[in-house]
Structure formats: structure tokens, C-alpha cells
């Protein structure tokens, strides 16, 4: 699954550590999400969407680029 997590985080000048703390996950989890090694659980995807104020589809896309 492709995602815009790194871009959204950078636009807000957040470190991986700060984002991890805000979501109550490890920095390693954030790194794995950003590099596509890990797909988030649905509750985590909702937390990310609420935190960034965007729909989940604006963060995550399938491999063909479809939301």
C-alpha cells in the first residue's frame, strides 16, 4: 500500500518520534509505515486521518494508485 504519510508529516514539521508519540506507537512503526513495510490497522489509519485532518483515502492508496 502506498501512502503520503512522510509528506504529510514533513508539511507539519513533525519528526517520526513526535508523530509516534501523538499516535501512541513506536518510532519504528512510523518508519515501517512510511517505507511501506507495514500497513496500518484500521484504528491506526483513522487516528492518522484525524490527526492530519484528511480522509484516509488522502493518506493511503492501493498499489495501482487507487484510493
PDB file of N, CA and C in Angstrom:
ATOM      1  N   UNK A   1       0.842  -1.168   0.000  1.00  0.00           N
ATOM      2  CA  UNK A   1       0.000   0.000   0.000  1.00  0.00           C
ATOM      3  C   UNK A   1       0.895   1.243   0.000  1.00  0.00           C
ATOM      4  N   UNK A   2       0.615   2.144  -0.904  1.00  0.00           N
ATOM      5  CA  UNK A   2       1.349   3.406  -0.963  1.00  0.00           C
ATOM      6  C   UNK A   2       0.717   4.392   0.014  1.00  0.00           C
ATOM      7  N   UNK A   3       1.537   5.342   0.486  1.00  0.00           N
ATOM      8  CA  UNK A   3       0.976   6.343   1.384  1.00  0.00           C
ATOM      9  C   UNK A   3       1.726   7.661   1.273  1.00  0.00           C
ATOM     10  N   UNK A   4       1.075   8.707   1.773  1.00  0.00           N
ATOM     11  CA  UNK A   4       1.645  10.059   1.770  1.00  0.00           C
ATOM     12  C   UNK A   4       2.042  10.487   3.179  1.00  0.00           C
ATOM     13  N   UNK A   5       2.240   9.528   4.046  1.00  0.00           N
ATOM     14  CA  UNK A   5       2.492   9.822   5.447  1.00  0.00           C
ATOM     15  C   UNK A   5       3.730  10.702   5.651  1.00  0.00           C
ATOM     16  N   UNK A   6       4.809  10.367   4.983  1.00  0.00           N
ATOM     17  CA  UNK A   6       6.047  11.144   5.142  1.00  0.00           C
ATOM     18  C   UNK A   6       5.845  12.590   4.692  1.00  0.00           C
ATOM     19  N   UNK A   7       5.120  12.780   3.589  1.00  0.00           N
ATOM     20  CA  UNK A   7       4.858  14.125   3.071  1.00  0.00           C
ATOM     21  C   UNK A   7       3.998  14.914   4.061  1.00  0.00           C
ATOM     22  N   UNK A   8       2.930  14.297   4.535  1.00  0.00           N
ATOM     23  CA  UNK A   8       2.044  14.974   5.488  1.00  0.00           C
ATOM     24  C   UNK A   8       2.790  15.334   6.771  1.00  0.00           C
ATOM     25  N   UNK A   9       3.615  14.423   7.225  1.00  0.00           N
ATOM     26  CA  UNK A   9       4.397  14.674   8.440  1.00  0.00           C
ATOM     27  C   UNK A   9       5.380  15.821   8.220  1.00  0.00           C
ATOM     28  N   UNK A  10       6.062  15.811   7.084  1.00  0.00           N
ATOM     29  CA  UNK A  10       7.041  16.864   6.773  1.00  0.00           C
ATOM     30  C   UNK A  10       6.375  18.228   6.632  1.00  0.00           C
ATOM     31  N   UNK A  11       5.179  18.262   6.039  1.00  0.00           N
ATOM     32  CA  UNK A  11       4.454  19.533   5.881  1.00  0.00           C
ATOM     33  C   UNK A  11       4.149  20.163   7.242  1.00  0.00           C
ATOM     34  N   UNK A  12       4.044  19.338   8.249  1.00  0.00           N
ATOM     35  CA  UNK A  12       3.737  19.831   9.602  1.00  0.00           C
ATOM     36  C   UNK A  12       4.974  19.915  10.486  1.00  0.00           C
ATOM     37  N   UNK A  13       6.147  19.733   9.866  1.00  0.00           N
ATOM     38  CA  UNK A  13       7.421  19.790  10.587  1.00  0.00           C
ATOM     39  C   UNK A  13       7.441  18.860  11.801  1.00  0.00           C
ATOM     40  N   UNK A  14       6.892  17.668  11.631  1.00  0.00           N
ATOM     41  CA  UNK A  14       6.873  16.679  12.703  1.00  0.00           C
ATOM     42  C   UNK A  14       7.983  15.662  12.474  1.00  0.00           C
ATOM     43  N   UNK A  15       8.625  15.261  13.539  1.00  0.00           N
ATOM     44  CA  UNK A  15       9.574  14.162  13.451  1.00  0.00           C
ATOM     45  C   UNK A  15       8.804  12.849  13.529  1.00  0.00           C
ATOM     46  N   UNK A  16       9.467  11.780  13.160  1.00  0.00           N
ATOM     47  CA  UNK A  16       8.847  10.466  13.315  1.00  0.00           C
ATOM     48  C   UNK A  16       8.530  10.214  14.787  1.00  0.00           C
ATOM     49  N   UNK A  17       9.424  10.642  15.664  1.00  0.00           N
ATOM     50  CA  UNK A  17       9.213  10.457  17.093  1.00  0.00           C
ATOM     51  C   UNK A  17       7.997  11.210  17.605  1.00  0.00           C
ATOM     52  N   UNK A  18       7.814  12.434  17.140  1.00  0.00           N
ATOM     53  CA  UNK A  18       6.668  13.237  17.576  1.00  0.00           C
ATOM     54  C   UNK A  18       5.361  12.623  17.080  1.00  0.00           C
ATOM     55  N   UNK A  19       5.368  12.144  15.841  1.00  0.00           N
ATOM     56  CA  UNK A  19       4.166  11.506  15.302  1.00  0.00           C
ATOM     57  C   UNK A  19       3.873  10.219  16.060  1.00  0.00           C
ATOM     58  N   UNK A  20       4.903   9.460  16.334  1.00  0.00           N
ATOM     59  CA  UNK A  20       4.733   8.213  17.085  1.00  0.00           C
ATOM     60  C   UNK A  20       4.132   8.486  18.458  1.00  0.00           C
ATOM     61  N   UNK A  21       4.632   9.507  19.117  1.00  0.00           N
ATOM     62  CA  UNK A  21       4.115   9.860  20.440  1.00  0.00           C
ATOM     63  C   UNK A  21       2.648  10.282  20.362  1.00  0.00           C
ATOM     64  N   UNK A  22       2.301  11.061  19.353  1.00  0.00           N
ATOM     65  CA  UNK A  22       0.921  11.516  19.198  1.00  0.00           C
ATOM     66  C   UNK A  22      -0.040  10.350  18.944  1.00  0.00           C
ATOM     67  N   UNK A  23       0.474   9.291  18.329  1.00  0.00           N
ATOM     68  CA  UNK A  23      -0.363   8.135  17.990  1.00  0.00           C
ATOM     69  C   UNK A  23      -0.224   6.989  18.986  1.00  0.00           C
ATOM     70  N   UNK A  24       0.685   7.146  19.942  1.00  0.00           N
ATOM     71  CA  UNK A  24       0.955   6.113  20.945  1.00  0.00           C
ATOM     72  C   UNK A  24       1.460   4.822  20.296  1.00  0.00           C
ATOM     73  N   UNK A  25       2.399   4.989  19.353  1.00  0.00           N
ATOM     74  CA  UNK A  25       3.075   3.857  18.728  1.00  0.00           C
ATOM     75  C   UNK A  25       4.576   4.140  18.764  1.00  0.00           C
ATOM     76  N   UNK A  26       5.384   3.182  18.346  1.00  0.00           N
ATOM     77  CA  UNK A  26       6.834   3.395  18.341  1.00  0.00           C
ATOM     78  C   UNK A  26       7.264   4.168  17.093  1.00  0.00           C
ATOM     79  N   UNK A  27       8.440   4.774  17.182  1.00  0.00           N
ATOM     80  CA  UNK A  27       9.010   5.458  16.022  1.00  0.00           C
ATOM     81  C   UNK A  27       9.282   4.446  14.915  1.00  0.00           C
ATOM     82  N   UNK A  28       9.638   3.230  15.291  1.00  0.00           N
ATOM     83  CA  UNK A  28       9.888   2.178  14.315  1.00  0.00           C
ATOM     84  C   UNK A  28       8.609   1.857  13.519  1.00  0.00           C
ATOM     85  N   UNK A  29       7.453   1.941  14.176  1.00  0.00           N
ATOM     86  CA  UNK A  29       6.186   1.730  13.488  1.00  0.00           C
ATOM     87  C   UNK A  29       5.972   2.804  12.434  1.00  0.00           C
ATOM     88  N   UNK A  30       6.246   4.047  12.792  1.00  0.00           N
ATOM     89  CA  UNK A  30       6.105   5.148  11.834  1.00  0.00           C
ATOM     90  C   UNK A  30       7.042   4.942  10.656  1.00  0.00           C
ATOM     91  N   UNK A  31       8.280   4.568  10.932  1.00  0.00           N
ATOM     92  CA  UNK A  31       9.239   4.315   9.862  1.00  0.00           C
ATOM     93  C   UNK A  31       8.754   3.191   8.958  1.00  0.00           C
ATOM     94  N   UNK A  32       8.248   2.120   9.526  1.00  0.00           N
ATOM     95  CA  UNK A  32       7.749   0.989   8.733  1.00  0.00           C
ATOM     96  C   UNK A  32       6.540   1.394   7.886  1.00  0.00           C
ATOM     97  N   UNK A  33       5.677   2.248   8.427  1.00  0.00           N
ATOM     98  CA  UNK A  33       4.533   2.745   7.656  1.00  0.00           C
ATOM     99  C   UNK A  33       5.015   3.587   6.477  1.00  0.00           C
ATOM    100  N   UNK A  34       5.927   4.506   6.744  1.00  0.00           N
ATOM    101  CA  UNK A  34       6.402   5.416   5.705  1.00  0.00           C
ATOM    102  C   UNK A  34       7.132   4.690   4.585  1.00  0.00           C
ATOM    103  N   UNK A  35       7.829   3.611   4.919  1.00  0.00           N
ATOM    104  CA  UNK A  35       8.588   2.884   3.899  1.00  0.00           C
ATOM    105  C   UNK A  35       7.777   1.770   3.250  1.00  0.00           C
ATOM    106  N   UNK A  36       6.522   1.622   3.655  1.00  0.00           N
ATOM    107  CA  UNK A  36       5.654   0.624   3.044  1.00  0.00           C
ATOM    108  C   UNK A  36       5.881  -0.793   3.524  1.00  0.00           C
ATOM    109  N   UNK A  37       6.636  -0.948   4.596  1.00  0.00           N
ATOM    110  CA  UNK A  37       6.899  -2.292   5.133  1.00  0.00           C
ATOM    111  C   UNK A  37       5.759  -2.782   6.021  1.00  0.00           C
ATOM    112  N   UNK A  38       4.869  -1.883   6.373  1.00  0.00           N
ATOM    113  CA  UNK A  38       3.790  -2.210   7.295  1.00  0.00           C
ATOM    114  C   UNK A  38       2.549  -1.433   6.879  1.00  0.00           C
ATOM    115  N   UNK A  39       1.415  -2.118   6.807  1.00  0.00           N
ATOM    116  CA  UNK A  39       0.132  -1.454   6.561  1.00  0.00           C
ATOM    117  C   UNK A  39      -0.553  -1.255   7.905  1.00  0.00           C
ATOM    118  N   UNK A  40      -1.114  -0.089   8.140  1.00  0.00           N
ATOM    119  CA  UNK A  40      -1.691   0.189   9.458  1.00  0.00           C
ATOM    120  C   UNK A  40      -2.987  -0.587   9.690  1.00  0.00           C
ATOM    121  N   UNK A  41      -3.270  -0.793  10.956  1.00  0.00           N
ATOM    122  CA  UNK A  41      -4.583  -1.332  11.312  1.00  0.00           C
ATOM    123  C   UNK A  41      -5.613  -0.258  11.002  1.00  0.00           C
ATOM    124  N   UNK A  42      -6.856  -0.650  10.906  1.00  0.00           N
ATOM    125  CA  UNK A  42      -7.909   0.330  10.628  1.00  0.00           C
ATOM    126  C   UNK A  42      -7.991   1.395  11.727  1.00  0.00           C
ATOM    127  N   UNK A  43      -7.930   1.019  13.011  1.00  0.00           N
ATOM    128  CA  UNK A  43      -7.955   2.066  14.044  1.00  0.00           C
ATOM    129  C   UNK A  43      -6.781   3.052  13.915  1.00  0.00           C
ATOM    130  N   UNK A  44      -5.591   2.548  13.570  1.00  0.00           N
ATOM    131  CA  UNK A  44      -4.442   3.446  13.405  1.00  0.00           C
ATOM    132  C   UNK A  44      -4.630   4.350  12.187  1.00  0.00           C
ATOM    133  N   UNK A  45      -5.187   3.820  11.117  1.00  0.00           N
ATOM    134  CA  UNK A  45      -5.454   4.640   9.927  1.00  0.00           C
ATOM    135  C   UNK A  45      -6.426   5.766  10.266  1.00  0.00           C
ATOM    136  N   UNK A  46      -7.459   5.460  11.053  1.00  0.00           N
ATOM    137  CA  UNK A  46      -8.401   6.502  11.470  1.00  0.00           C
ATOM    138  C   UNK A  46      -7.714   7.546  12.346  1.00  0.00           C
ATOM    139  N   UNK A  47      -6.839   7.120  13.249  1.00  0.00           N
ATOM    140  CA  UNK A  47      -6.103   8.072  14.099  1.00  0.00           C
ATOM    141  C   UNK A  47      -5.261   9.011  13.239  1.00  0.00           C
ATOM    142  N   UNK A  48      -4.583   8.438  12.245  1.00  0.00           N
ATOM    143  CA  UNK A  48      -3.760   9.256  11.353  1.00  0.00           C
ATOM    144  C   UNK A  48      -4.614  10.266  10.593  1.00  0.00           C
ATOM    145  N   UNK A  49      -5.734   9.822  10.077  1.00  0.00           N
ATOM    146  CA  UNK A  49      -6.620  10.710   9.329  1.00  0.00           C
ATOM    147  C   UNK A  49      -7.126  11.848  10.219  1.00  0.00           C
ATOM    148  N   UNK A  50      -7.522  11.527  11.434  1.00  0.00           N
ATOM    149  CA  UNK A  50      -7.988  12.582  12.358  1.00  0.00           C
ATOM    150  C   UNK A  50      -6.859  13.543  12.702  1.00  0.00           C
ATOM    151  N   UNK A  51      -5.683  13.011  12.961  1.00  0.00           N
ATOM    152  CA  UNK A  51      -4.546  13.849  13.333  1.00  0.00           C
ATOM    153  C   UNK A  51      -4.197  14.839  12.221  1.00  0.00           C
ATOM    154  N   UNK A  52      -4.188  14.360  10.980  1.00  0.00           N
ATOM    155  CA  UNK A  52      -3.830  15.219   9.855  1.00  0.00           C
ATOM    156  C   UNK A  52      -5.020  15.971   9.271  1.00  0.00           C
ATOM    157  N   UNK A  53      -6.229  15.643   9.703  1.00  0.00           N
ATOM    158  CA  UNK A  53      -7.415  16.349   9.235  1.00  0.00           C
ATOM    159  C   UNK A  53      -7.753  16.083   7.783  1.00  0.00           C
ATOM    160  N   UNK A  54      -7.469  14.860   7.337  1.00  0.00           N
ATOM    161  CA  UNK A  54      -7.765  14.482   5.951  1.00  0.00           C
ATOM    162  C   UNK A  54      -8.447  13.111   5.943  1.00  0.00           C
ATOM    163  N   UNK A  55      -9.161  12.790   4.856  1.00  0.00           N
ATOM    164  CA  UNK A  55      -9.740  11.447   4.753  1.00  0.00           C
ATOM    165  C   UNK A  55      -8.639  10.386   4.639  1.00  0.00           C
ATOM    166  N   UNK A  56      -8.940   9.198   5.081  1.00  0.00           N
ATOM    167  CA  UNK A  56      -7.975   8.093   4.989  1.00  0.00           C
ATOM    168  C   UNK A  56      -7.473   7.934   3.555  1.00  0.00           C
ATOM    169  N   UNK A  57      -8.378   8.103   2.591  1.00  0.00           N
ATOM    170  CA  UNK A  57      -8.015   7.933   1.189  1.00  0.00           C
ATOM    171  C   UNK A  57      -6.971   8.937   0.724  1.00  0.00           C
ATOM    172  N   UNK A  58      -6.852  10.068   1.424  1.00  0.00           N
ATOM    173  CA  UNK A  58      -5.827  11.046   1.075  1.00  0.00           C
ATOM    174  C   UNK A  58      -4.453  10.648   1.599  1.00  0.00           C
ATOM    175  N   UNK A  59      -4.409   9.679   2.495  1.00  0.00           N
ATOM    176  CA  UNK A  59      -3.137   9.207   3.057  1.00  0.00           C
ATOM    177  C   UNK A  59      -2.698   7.914   2.394  1.00  0.00           C
ATOM    178  N   UNK A  60      -3.634   6.976   2.234  1.00  0.00           N
ATOM    179  CA  UNK A  60      -3.300   5.632   1.763  1.00  0.00           C
ATOM    180  C   UNK A  60      -3.954   5.322   0.423  1.00  0.00           C
ATOM    181  N   UNK A  61      -3.191   4.673  -0.454  1.00  0.00           N
ATOM    182  CA  UNK A  61      -3.683   4.238  -1.758  1.00  0.00           C
ATOM    183  C   UNK A  61      -3.209   2.817  -2.008  1.00  0.00           C
ATOM    184  N   UNK A  62      -3.988   2.066  -2.791  1.00  0.00           N
ATOM    185  CA  UNK A  62      -3.541   0.726  -3.141  1.00  0.00           C
ATOM    186  C   UNK A  62      -2.376   0.803  -4.128  1.00  0.00           C
ATOM    187  N   UNK A  63      -1.843  -0.334  -4.477  1.00  0.00           N
ATOM    188  CA  UNK A  63      -0.652  -0.387  -5.340  1.00  0.00           C
ATOM    189  C   UNK A  63      -0.859   0.235  -6.719  1.00  0.00           C
ATOM    190  N   UNK A  64      -2.097   0.240  -7.216  1.00  0.00           N
ATOM    191  CA  UNK A  64      -2.362   0.833  -8.523  1.00  0.00           C
ATOM    192  C   UNK A  64      -2.630   2.336  -8.431  1.00  0.00           C
ATOM    193  N   UNK A  65      -2.501   2.900  -7.233  1.00  0.00           N
ATOM    194  CA  UNK A  65      -2.725   4.327  -7.061  1.00  0.00           C
ATOM    195  C   UNK A  65      -4.169   4.687  -6.821  1.00  0.00           C
ATOM    196  N   UNK A  66      -5.021   3.698  -6.624  1.00  0.00           N
ATOM    197  CA  UNK A  66      -6.441   3.949  -6.375  1.00  0.00           C
ATOM    198  C   UNK A  66      -6.686   4.071  -4.881  1.00  0.00           C
ATOM    199  N   UNK A  67      -7.471   5.071  -4.448  1.00  0.00           N
ATOM    200  CA  UNK A  67      -7.793   5.186  -3.029  1.00  0.00           C
ATOM    201  C   UNK A  67      -8.698   4.063  -2.588  1.00  0.00           C
TER     202      UNK A  67
END
